[in-house]
Amino acid sequence: MMMRLKRCVVIVSALCVSGCGASLPGLSTGSLFGGKSEPANTAPVIKNDPTSRALQVGSTAARAQKCGFNFDAIKLKNNYLAAEGPALTNPSDVARVGQVYDTSYSAVSKAVAAQPGDVYCSPAKTAKIKTALTRHLAGDYTPEPPEPVQEEEGGLFSGLSSGSSSSAPNPAPGLDQ
């Protein structure tokens, strides 16, 4: 009974939105029923600010230590903070960026500590970590672009017959665990 009510509400809502004169961008009968629509050609926006860089470098250092890379994590942190220093006008900003680095480093360290090294450090993940760590050790602290998330094929009504619910989005694209 509840499923019929849910379906009815979805159908009525779809009909209301698809009415004549509705000017909702990207909403058409093709998009409602799973038809092919024009892909959005928007590139992911890479936020390149001190906080994003601190998150990236701190989490990369934690992952690299988990996978047994031989590098000096303290030297990496000091080099990163020295590179950020001239761009930051307020001395308290340097302390804040250092705190963001420490927070991301400890959070990722705790998150991956429970995972077995042979499972966490797969060849593909190790290659990604090595690439990022090599960039950071060379002085390039720019964040990596987020990985594209493939959208489900199908429209608004594609999950009604299977009874499945939508999955949760990737919580942190750059911080895979």
C-alpha atoms as a PDB file:
ATOM      1  CA  MET A   1       0.000   0.000   0.000  1.00  0.00           C
ATOM      2  CA  MET A   2       2.792   2.406   0.924  1.00  0.00           C
ATOM      3  CA  MET A   3       4.613   1.614  -2.315  1.00  0.00           C
ATOM      4  CA  ARG A   4       1.526   2.483  -4.388  1.00  0.00           C
ATOM      5  CA  LEU A   5       1.190   5.790  -2.573  1.00  0.00           C
ATOM      6  CA  LYS A   6       4.862   6.522  -3.166  1.00  0.00           C
ATOM      7  CA  ARG A   7       4.536   5.750  -6.873  1.00  0.00           C
ATOM      8  CA  CYS A   8       1.408   7.875  -7.139  1.00  0.00           C
ATOM      9  CA  VAL A   9       3.097  10.855  -5.482  1.00  0.00           C
ATOM     10  CA  VAL A  10       6.102  10.544  -7.790  1.00  0.00           C
ATOM     11  CA  ILE A  11       3.921  10.325 -10.903  1.00  0.00           C
ATOM     12  CA  VAL A  12       1.763  13.279  -9.894  1.00  0.00           C
ATOM     13  CA  SER A  13       4.858  15.332  -9.051  1.00  0.00           C
ATOM     14  CA  ALA A  14       6.439  14.501 -12.384  1.00  0.00           C
ATOM     15  CA  LEU A  15       3.312  15.465 -14.268  1.00  0.00           C
ATOM     16  CA  CYS A  16       3.080  18.760 -12.406  1.00  0.00           C
ATOM     17  CA  VAL A  17       6.676  19.661 -13.135  1.00  0.00           C
ATOM     18  CA  SER A  18       6.529  18.636 -16.783  1.00  0.00           C
ATOM     19  CA  GLY A  19       3.473  20.773 -17.531  1.00  0.00           C
ATOM     20  CA  CYS A  20       3.245  23.298 -20.330  1.00  0.00           C
ATOM     21  CA  GLY A  21       5.320  26.386 -19.801  1.00  0.00           C
ATOM     22  CA  ALA A  22       7.611  24.888 -17.190  1.00  0.00           C
ATOM     23  CA  SER A  23      11.070  26.254 -17.808  1.00  0.00           C
ATOM     24  CA  LEU A  24      13.204  24.046 -15.631  1.00  0.00           C
ATOM     25  CA  PRO A  25      16.677  23.596 -17.114  1.00  0.00           C
ATOM     26  CA  GLY A  26      17.555  20.011 -17.927  1.00  0.00           C
ATOM     27  CA  LEU A  27      14.092  18.639 -17.158  1.00  0.00           C
ATOM     28  CA  SER A  28      12.296  17.010 -20.031  1.00  0.00           C
ATOM     29  CA  THR A  29      10.282  13.883 -20.599  1.00  0.00           C
ATOM     30  CA  GLY A  30      13.486  12.280 -21.853  1.00  0.00           C
ATOM     31  CA  SER A  31      15.251  13.033 -18.591  1.00  0.00           C
ATOM     32  CA  LEU A  32      12.287  11.792 -16.563  1.00  0.00           C
ATOM     33  CA  PHE A  33      12.057   8.464 -18.340  1.00  0.00           C
ATOM     34  CA  GLY A  34      15.764   7.761 -18.867  1.00  0.00           C
ATOM     35  CA  GLY A  35      16.235   9.155 -22.351  1.00  0.00           C
ATOM     36  CA  LYS A  36      19.598  10.327 -23.548  1.00  0.00           C
ATOM     37  CA  SER A  37      20.211  13.949 -22.773  1.00  0.00           C
ATOM     38  CA  GLU A  38      23.084  16.252 -23.572  1.00  0.00           C
ATOM     39  CA  PRO A  39      25.992  15.627 -21.184  1.00  0.00           C
ATOM     40  CA  ALA A  40      27.046  18.601 -19.145  1.00  0.00           C
ATOM     41  CA  ASN A  41      30.463  19.678 -20.337  1.00  0.00           C
ATOM     42  CA  THR A  42      31.408  21.375 -17.123  1.00  0.00           C
ATOM     43  CA  ALA A  43      34.828  20.583 -15.776  1.00  0.00           C
ATOM     44  CA  PRO A  44      35.074  19.970 -12.055  1.00  0.00           C
ATOM     45  CA  VAL A  45      36.087  23.080 -10.180  1.00  0.00           C
ATOM     46  CA  ILE A  46      39.372  22.660  -8.334  1.00  0.00           C
ATOM     47  CA  LYS A  47      39.466  24.777  -5.236  1.00  0.00           C
ATOM     48  CA  ASN A  48      43.069  25.878  -4.853  1.00  0.00           C
ATOM     49  CA  ASP A  49      43.253  27.720  -1.554  1.00  0.00           C
ATOM     50  CA  PRO A  50      45.474  27.168   1.502  1.00  0.00           C
ATOM     51  CA  THR A  51      42.865  25.016   3.242  1.00  0.00           C
ATOM     52  CA  SER A  52      42.398  22.711   0.242  1.00  0.00           C
ATOM     53  CA  ARG A  53      46.124  22.386  -0.199  1.00  0.00           C
ATOM     54  CA  ALA A  54      46.625  21.597   3.505  1.00  0.00           C
ATOM     55  CA  LEU A  55      43.926  18.910   3.352  1.00  0.00           C
ATOM     56  CA  GLN A  56      45.493  17.385   0.244  1.00  0.00           C
ATOM     57  CA  VAL A  57      49.079  17.349   1.507  1.00  0.00           C
ATOM     58  CA  GLY A  58      48.160  16.120   5.011  1.00  0.00           C
ATOM     59  CA  SER A  59      45.978  13.285   3.781  1.00  0.00           C
ATOM     60  CA  THR A  60      48.548  12.242   1.173  1.00  0.00           C
ATOM     61  CA  ALA A  61      51.261  12.104   3.846  1.00  0.00           C
ATOM     62  CA  ALA A  62      49.077   9.907   6.076  1.00  0.00           C
ATOM     63  CA  ARG A  63      48.249   7.519   3.227  1.00  0.00           C
ATOM     64  CA  ALA A  64      51.872   7.332   2.150  1.00  0.00           C
ATOM     65  CA  GLN A  65      52.976   6.414   5.656  1.00  0.00           C
ATOM     66  CA  LYS A  66      50.272   3.727   5.828  1.00  0.00           C
ATOM     67  CA  CYS A  67      51.578   2.194   2.610  1.00  0.00           C
ATOM     68  CA  GLY A  68      55.196   2.298   3.779  1.00  0.00           C
ATOM     69  CA  PHE A  69      56.656   5.050   1.598  1.00  0.00           C
ATOM     70  CA  ASN A  70      60.063   6.196   2.812  1.00  0.00           C
ATOM     71  CA  PHE A  71      59.903   9.989   3.287  1.00  0.00           C
ATOM     72  CA  ASP A  72      60.184  12.524   6.089  1.00  0.00           C
ATOM     73  CA  ALA A  73      56.604  13.563   6.948  1.00  0.00           C
ATOM     74  CA  ILE A  74      57.726  16.368   9.256  1.00  0.00           C
ATOM     75  CA  LYS A  75      59.976  17.829   6.559  1.00  0.00           C
ATOM     76  CA  LEU A  76      57.094  17.646   4.069  1.00  0.00           C
ATOM     77  CA  LYS A  77      54.844  19.539   6.494  1.00  0.00           C
ATOM     78  CA  ASN A  78      57.511  22.180   7.185  1.00  0.00           C
ATOM     79  CA  ASN A  79      58.214  22.636   3.469  1.00  0.00           C
ATOM     80  CA  TYR A  80      54.507  22.991   2.775  1.00  0.00           C
ATOM     81  CA  LEU A  81      54.007  25.579   5.530  1.00  0.00           C
ATOM     82  CA  ALA A  82      57.101  27.485   4.357  1.00  0.00           C
ATOM     83  CA  ALA A  83      55.662  27.587   0.830  1.00  0.00           C
ATOM     84  CA  GLU A  84      52.293  28.835   2.120  1.00  0.00           C
ATOM     85  CA  GLY A  85      53.803  31.435   4.452  1.00  0.00           C
ATOM     86  CA  PRO A  86      54.556  34.269   2.000  1.00  0.00           C
ATOM     87  CA  ALA A  87      51.064  34.115   0.477  1.00  0.00           C
ATOM     88  CA  LEU A  88      49.359  34.429   3.857  1.00  0.00           C
ATOM     89  CA  THR A  89      49.204  37.973   5.154  1.00  0.00           C
ATOM     90  CA  ASN A  90      47.996  37.250   8.667  1.00  0.00           C
ATOM     91  CA  PRO A  91      50.297  35.224  10.962  1.00  0.00           C
ATOM     92  CA  SER A  92      47.275  33.491  12.499  1.00  0.00           C
ATOM     93  CA  ASP A  93      46.454  32.121   9.043  1.00  0.00           C
ATOM     94  CA  VAL A  94      49.708  30.151   9.048  1.00  0.00           C
ATOM     95  CA  ALA A  95      48.728  28.571  12.372  1.00  0.00           C
ATOM     96  CA  ARG A  96      45.238  27.801  11.036  1.00  0.00           C
ATOM     97  CA  VAL A  97      46.646  26.149   7.897  1.00  0.00           C
ATOM     98  CA  GLY A  98      49.023  24.119  10.062  1.00  0.00           C
ATOM     99  CA  GLN A  99      46.079  23.016  12.178  1.00  0.00           C
ATOM    100  CA  VAL A 100      44.118  21.987   9.063  1.00  0.00           C
ATOM    101  CA  TYR A 101      47.140  19.958   7.910  1.00  0.00           C
ATOM    102  CA  ASP A 102      47.438  18.240  11.316  1.00  0.00           C
ATOM    103  CA  THR A 103      43.710  17.536  11.446  1.00  0.00           C
ATOM    104  CA  SER A 104      43.604  15.958   7.983  1.00  0.00           C
ATOM    105  CA  TYR A 105      46.760  13.973   8.686  1.00  0.00           C
ATOM    106  CA  SER A 106      45.468  12.547  11.970  1.00  0.00           C
ATOM    107  CA  ALA A 107      41.939  11.911  10.660  1.00  0.00           C
ATOM    108  CA  VAL A 108      43.167   9.961   7.642  1.00  0.00           C
ATOM    109  CA  SER A 109      45.741   8.124   9.768  1.00  0.00           C
ATOM    110  CA  LYS A 110      43.022   6.991  12.176  1.00  0.00           C
ATOM    111  CA  ALA A 111      40.672   6.039   9.342  1.00  0.00           C
ATOM    112  CA  VAL A 112      43.193   3.840   7.542  1.00  0.00           C
ATOM    113  CA  ALA A 113      44.837   2.392  10.661  1.00  0.00           C
ATOM    114  CA  ALA A 114      42.148  -0.276  11.080  1.00  0.00           C
ATOM    115  CA  GLN A 115      42.428  -1.427   7.466  1.00  0.00           C
ATOM    116  CA  PRO A 116      44.969  -4.128   6.637  1.00  0.00           C
ATOM    117  CA  GLY A 117      47.903  -2.725   4.676  1.00  0.00           C
ATOM    118  CA  ASP A 118      47.737  -5.337   1.925  1.00  0.00           C
ATOM    119  CA  VAL A 119      44.066  -4.530   1.319  1.00  0.00           C
ATOM    120  CA  TYR A 120      44.340  -0.737   1.610  1.00  0.00           C
ATOM    121  CA  CYS A 121      47.567  -0.423  -0.362  1.00  0.00           C
ATOM    122  CA  SER A 122      46.382  -1.956  -3.616  1.00  0.00           C
ATOM    123  CA  PRO A 123      48.602  -1.389  -6.662  1.00  0.00           C
ATOM    124  CA  ALA A 124      46.206   1.194  -8.126  1.00  0.00           C
ATOM    125  CA  LYS A 125      45.918   3.142  -4.874  1.00  0.00           C
ATOM    126  CA  THR A 126      49.668   2.932  -4.264  1.00  0.00           C
ATOM    127  CA  ALA A 127      50.306   4.392  -7.727  1.00  0.00           C
ATOM    128  CA  LYS A 128      47.954   7.319  -6.991  1.00  0.00           C
ATOM    129  CA  ILE A 129      49.599   7.927  -3.618  1.00  0.00           C
ATOM    130  CA  LYS A 130      53.068   7.791  -5.163  1.00  0.00           C
ATOM    131  CA  THR A 131      52.128  10.305  -7.849  1.00  0.00           C
ATOM    132  CA  ALA A 132      50.667  12.742  -5.317  1.00  0.00           C
ATOM    133  CA  LEU A 133      53.537  12.301  -2.854  1.00  0.00           C
ATOM    134  CA  THR A 134      56.132  12.857  -5.588  1.00  0.00           C
ATOM    135  CA  ARG A 135      54.393  16.099  -6.584  1.00  0.00           C
ATOM    136  CA  HIS A 136      54.269  17.300  -2.981  1.00  0.00           C
ATOM    137  CA  LEU A 137      57.893  16.424  -2.288  1.00  0.00           C
ATOM    138  CA  ALA A 138      58.835  18.412  -5.407  1.00  0.00           C
ATOM    139  CA  GLY A 139      57.004  21.481  -4.069  1.00  0.00           C
ATOM    140  CA  ASP A 140      53.756  21.224  -6.055  1.00  0.00           C
ATOM    141  CA  TYR A 141      50.994  21.433  -3.466  1.00  0.00           C
ATOM    142  CA  THR A 142      48.040  22.026  -5.771  1.00  0.00           C
ATOM    143  CA  PRO A 143      45.064  19.763  -5.069  1.00  0.00           C
ATOM    144  CA  GLU A 144      44.228  16.992  -7.478  1.00  0.00           C
ATOM    145  CA  PRO A 145      40.997  17.368  -9.401  1.00  0.00           C
ATOM    146  CA  PRO A 146      38.151  15.302  -7.982  1.00  0.00           C
ATOM    147  CA  GLU A 147      37.526  12.012  -9.693  1.00  0.00           C
ATOM    148  CA  PRO A 148      34.478  12.062 -11.940  1.00  0.00           C
ATOM    149  CA  VAL A 149      31.529  10.196 -10.486  1.00  0.00           C
ATOM    150  CA  GLN A 150      29.572   8.255 -13.057  1.00  0.00           C
ATOM    151  CA  GLU A 151      25.900   9.003 -12.882  1.00  0.00           C
ATOM    152  CA  GLU A 152      23.365   6.213 -13.007  1.00  0.00           C
ATOM    153  CA  GLU A 153      21.819   5.575 -16.371  1.00  0.00           C
ATOM    154  CA  GLY A 154      18.092   5.972 -16.202  1.00  0.00           C
ATOM    155  CA  GLY A 155      15.580   8.569 -15.274  1.00  0.00           C
ATOM    156  CA  LEU A 156      13.352   9.487 -12.414  1.00  0.00           C
ATOM    157  CA  PHE A 157      11.295   6.303 -12.704  1.00  0.00           C
ATOM    158  CA  SER A 158      14.173   3.865 -13.250  1.00  0.00           C
ATOM    159  CA  GLY A 159      14.265   2.626  -9.634  1.00  0.00           C
ATOM    160  CA  LEU A 160      10.527   2.189  -9.096  1.00  0.00           C
ATOM    161  CA  SER A 161      10.247  -1.329 -10.455  1.00  0.00           C
ATOM    162  CA  SER A 162      13.293  -2.683  -8.620  1.00  0.00           C
ATOM    163  CA  GLY A 163      12.387  -1.167  -5.264  1.00  0.00           C
ATOM    164  CA  SER A 164      15.934   0.068  -4.771  1.00  0.00           C
ATOM    165  CA  SER A 165      16.797   3.273  -3.051  1.00  0.00           C
ATOM    166  CA  SER A 166      19.387   5.742  -4.190  1.00  0.00           C
ATOM    167  CA  SER A 167      22.896   5.305  -2.916  1.00  0.00           C
ATOM    168  CA  ALA A 168      24.701   7.868  -0.819  1.00  0.00           C
ATOM    169  CA  PRO A 169      27.049  10.192  -2.677  1.00  0.00           C
ATOM    170  CA  ASN A 170      30.812   9.901  -2.324  1.00  0.00           C
ATOM    171  CA  PRO A 171      31.488  11.748   0.967  1.00  0.00           C
ATOM    172  CA  ALA A 172      34.887  13.088  -0.012  1.00  0.00           C
ATOM    173  CA  PRO A 173      36.023  12.592  -3.580  1.00  0.00           C
ATOM    174  CA  GLY A 174      39.627  13.435  -2.939  1.00  0.00           C
ATOM    175  CA  LEU A 175      39.840  11.530   0.323  1.00  0.00           C
ATOM    176  CA  ASP A 176      39.061   7.955  -0.676  1.00  0.00           C
ATOM    177  CA  GLN A 177      39.698   5.454   2.088  1.00  0.00           C
END
